[in-house]
Protein backbone atom coordinates (compact mmCIF):
# COMPACT_ATOMS: atom_id res chain seq x y z
CA MET A 1 0.14 -0.08 -0.12
CA GLY A 2 2.66 2.49 0.76
CA TYR A 3 4.74 1.79 -2.46
CA THR A 4 1.54 2.57 -4.08
CA ARG A 5 0.61 5.83 -2.37
CA PHE A 6 4.21 6.94 -2.87
CA LEU A 7 4.01 6.32 -6.60
CA GLU A 8 0.63 7.87 -6.51
CA TRP A 9 1.83 10.87 -4.88
CA GLY A 10 4.14 11.33 -7.82
CA PHE A 11 7.63 9.95 -5.86
CA LYS A 12 10.17 8.07 -7.97
CA LYS A 13 11.41 4.89 -6.46
CA GLY A 14 15.07 6.28 -6.28
CA GLU A 15 13.27 8.63 -3.73
CA MET A 16 11.46 6.14 -1.44
CA PRO A 17 13.39 5.84 1.64
CA MET A 18 13.66 2.09 1.41
CA GLY A 19 16.30 -0.33 3.09
CA SER A 20 17.47 -3.91 3.65
CA PHE A 21 19.01 -3.73 7.18
CA SER A 22 16.28 -6.41 8.57
CA TYR A 23 16.80 -8.63 5.65
CA ASP A 24 20.51 -8.32 6.08
CA ALA A 25 20.16 -8.95 9.65
CA GLY A 26 18.17 -11.90 9.09
CA ALA A 27 20.83 -13.47 6.69
CA ARG A 28 23.39 -13.39 9.82
CA VAL A 29 20.97 -15.18 12.19
CA ASP A 30 19.40 -18.76 12.93
CA VAL A 31 16.42 -19.38 11.46
CA LEU A 32 14.32 -18.77 14.93
CA THR A 33 16.21 -15.26 15.61
CA ARG A 34 15.18 -14.69 11.86
CA LEU A 35 11.34 -15.16 12.15
CA GLY A 36 12.06 -13.33 15.32
CA ILE A 37 13.01 -9.99 13.26
CA ILE A 38 9.52 -10.19 11.43
CA TYR A 39 7.95 -10.42 15.19
CA TYR A 40 10.17 -7.43 16.31
CA PHE A 41 9.10 -5.48 13.90
CA GLU A 42 5.44 -6.20 14.00
CA THR A 43 5.45 -5.75 17.56
CA THR A 44 7.59 -2.69 18.17
CA TYR A 45 6.18 -0.45 15.39
CA ILE A 46 2.52 -1.65 15.32
CA HIS A 47 1.42 1.67 17.28
CA THR A 48 2.77 3.94 14.40
CA LYS A 49 0.00 2.83 12.34
CA SER A 50 -2.95 4.15 14.43
CA GLU A 51 -0.76 7.43 15.11
CA ARG A 52 0.03 7.70 11.02
CA ALA A 53 -3.67 6.86 10.00
CA ARG A 54 -4.38 9.85 12.76
CA SER A 55 -2.10 12.27 10.60
CA PHE A 56 -3.29 11.35 7.57
CA ALA A 57 -6.96 11.88 8.34
CA GLU A 58 -5.66 15.40 10.00
CA PHE A 59 -4.10 16.35 6.47
CA GLY A 60 -7.76 15.37 4.66
CA ASP A 61 -5.81 11.98 2.80
CA ARG A 62 -8.45 9.67 3.51
CA THR A 63 -7.13 7.19 1.35
CA SER A 64 -3.95 6.82 3.42
CA SER A 65 -5.48 7.06 6.47
CA HIS A 66 -7.70 4.11 5.67
CA ASP A 67 -4.49 2.01 4.45
CA MET A 68 -3.09 2.61 7.34
CA ASP A 69 -6.14 1.50 9.67
CA PHE A 70 -5.81 -1.35 7.32
CA ASP A 71 -2.12 -2.00 7.97
CA TRP A 72 -2.71 -1.46 11.59
CA ALA A 73 -4.97 -4.50 11.39
CA ASP A 74 -2.63 -6.45 9.30
CA GLU A 75 0.17 -5.91 11.49
CA LEU A 76 -1.90 -7.13 14.33
CA ILE A 77 -2.80 -10.45 12.86
CA HIS A 78 1.05 -10.89 12.16
CA THR A 79 1.93 -10.25 15.81
CA HIS A 80 -1.03 -12.42 16.57
CA TYR A 81 0.54 -15.46 14.39
CA GLY A 82 4.05 -14.40 14.75
CA LYS A 83 4.10 -15.31 18.46
CA LYS A 84 2.20 -18.38 17.51
CA TRP A 85 4.67 -19.65 15.30
CA LEU A 86 7.85 -18.81 17.81
CA ASP A 87 5.96 -20.55 20.83
CA HIS A 88 5.39 -23.73 17.98
CA PHE A 89 9.06 -23.72 17.15
CA ILE A 90 10.07 -22.88 21.19
CA ALA A 91 8.01 -26.06 22.05
CA ARG A 92 9.02 -27.93 19.21
CA ARG A 93 12.73 -27.82 20.16
CA GLY A 94 12.75 -28.09 23.73
CA LEU A 95 13.76 -24.27 24.63
CA THR A 96 13.25 -22.42 27.83
CA LEU A 97 13.09 -19.27 25.60
CA THR A 98 10.11 -16.88 25.45
CA PRO A 99 8.81 -14.97 22.19
CA GLN A 100 10.06 -11.89 24.22
CA ASP A 101 13.70 -13.56 24.60
CA ILE A 102 13.85 -13.91 20.44
CA LYS A 103 12.70 -10.94 20.29
CA ALA A 104 15.46 -9.24 22.25
CA ALA A 105 18.02 -11.24 20.08
CA ALA A 106 16.49 -10.13 16.85
CA GLU A 107 16.62 -6.49 18.30
CA GLY A 108 20.02 -7.16 18.75
CA ALA A 109 20.95 -8.03 15.27
CA VAL A 110 19.15 -5.45 13.67
CA ALA A 111 21.06 -3.04 15.79
CA GLN A 112 24.20 -4.73 14.86
CA ILE A 113 23.19 -3.89 11.38
CA ARG A 114 22.83 -0.42 12.04
CA ARG A 115 25.96 0.11 13.94
CA GLU A 116 28.06 -0.80 10.92
CA ALA A 117 26.48 1.50 8.70
CA THR A 118 29.38 3.86 7.26
CA PRO A 119 28.91 7.77 7.22
CA ALA A 120 28.16 7.35 3.45
CA ASP A 121 25.50 5.01 4.18
CA ARG A 122 23.84 7.24 7.20
CA GLN A 123 24.32 10.23 4.74
CA ARG A 124 22.29 8.65 1.86
CA ILE A 125 19.48 7.76 4.40
CA GLU A 126 19.80 11.19 5.98
CA GLU A 127 19.13 12.91 2.55
CA LEU A 128 16.39 10.24 1.57
CA TYR A 129 14.65 11.36 4.46
CA GLN A 130 14.97 14.81 4.22
CA THR A 131 13.88 14.72 0.42
CA THR A 132 11.09 12.79 1.21
CA MET A 133 9.66 15.15 4.17
CA THR A 134 10.58 18.07 1.74
CA ARG A 135 8.41 16.57 -1.10
CA ALA A 136 5.65 15.17 1.95
CA ARG A 137 5.43 18.99 3.08
CA GLU A 138 4.81 20.21 -0.55
CA LEU A 139 1.98 17.63 -1.59
CA ALA A 140 0.39 18.66 2.38
CA ALA A 141 0.49 22.12 1.20
CA GLN A 142 -1.20 21.34 -1.93
CA THR A 143 -4.36 19.65 -0.32
């Protein structure tokens, strides 16, 4: 949904602030922690969806507000099933871990990737962010 909305707003793919750090982090860890990376993102950032839905509504962008509301429900389902799968694999392996333990390991793996970002990587991300926010402000002012 977000990708489609960015295109509809006139952004080009190169202007979209996308990264692969979670994918990169997953390539370095065991499969249970890899599943935990998804669970980490779903549970950690779920609250941002309702905040974004509210912001879009305040801007008068009903489509994006609806998309964020839908995405919130989608993330809630992911969180539910993520915990279910983690519980399943923990029990199957006879481990004494909890989904929160795996979430912590996943967070650590993602944090490690972020620490390894070079100054050039950080500059590119900051430039993309500033470009995106400038463009978003221009678009919001037009509505």
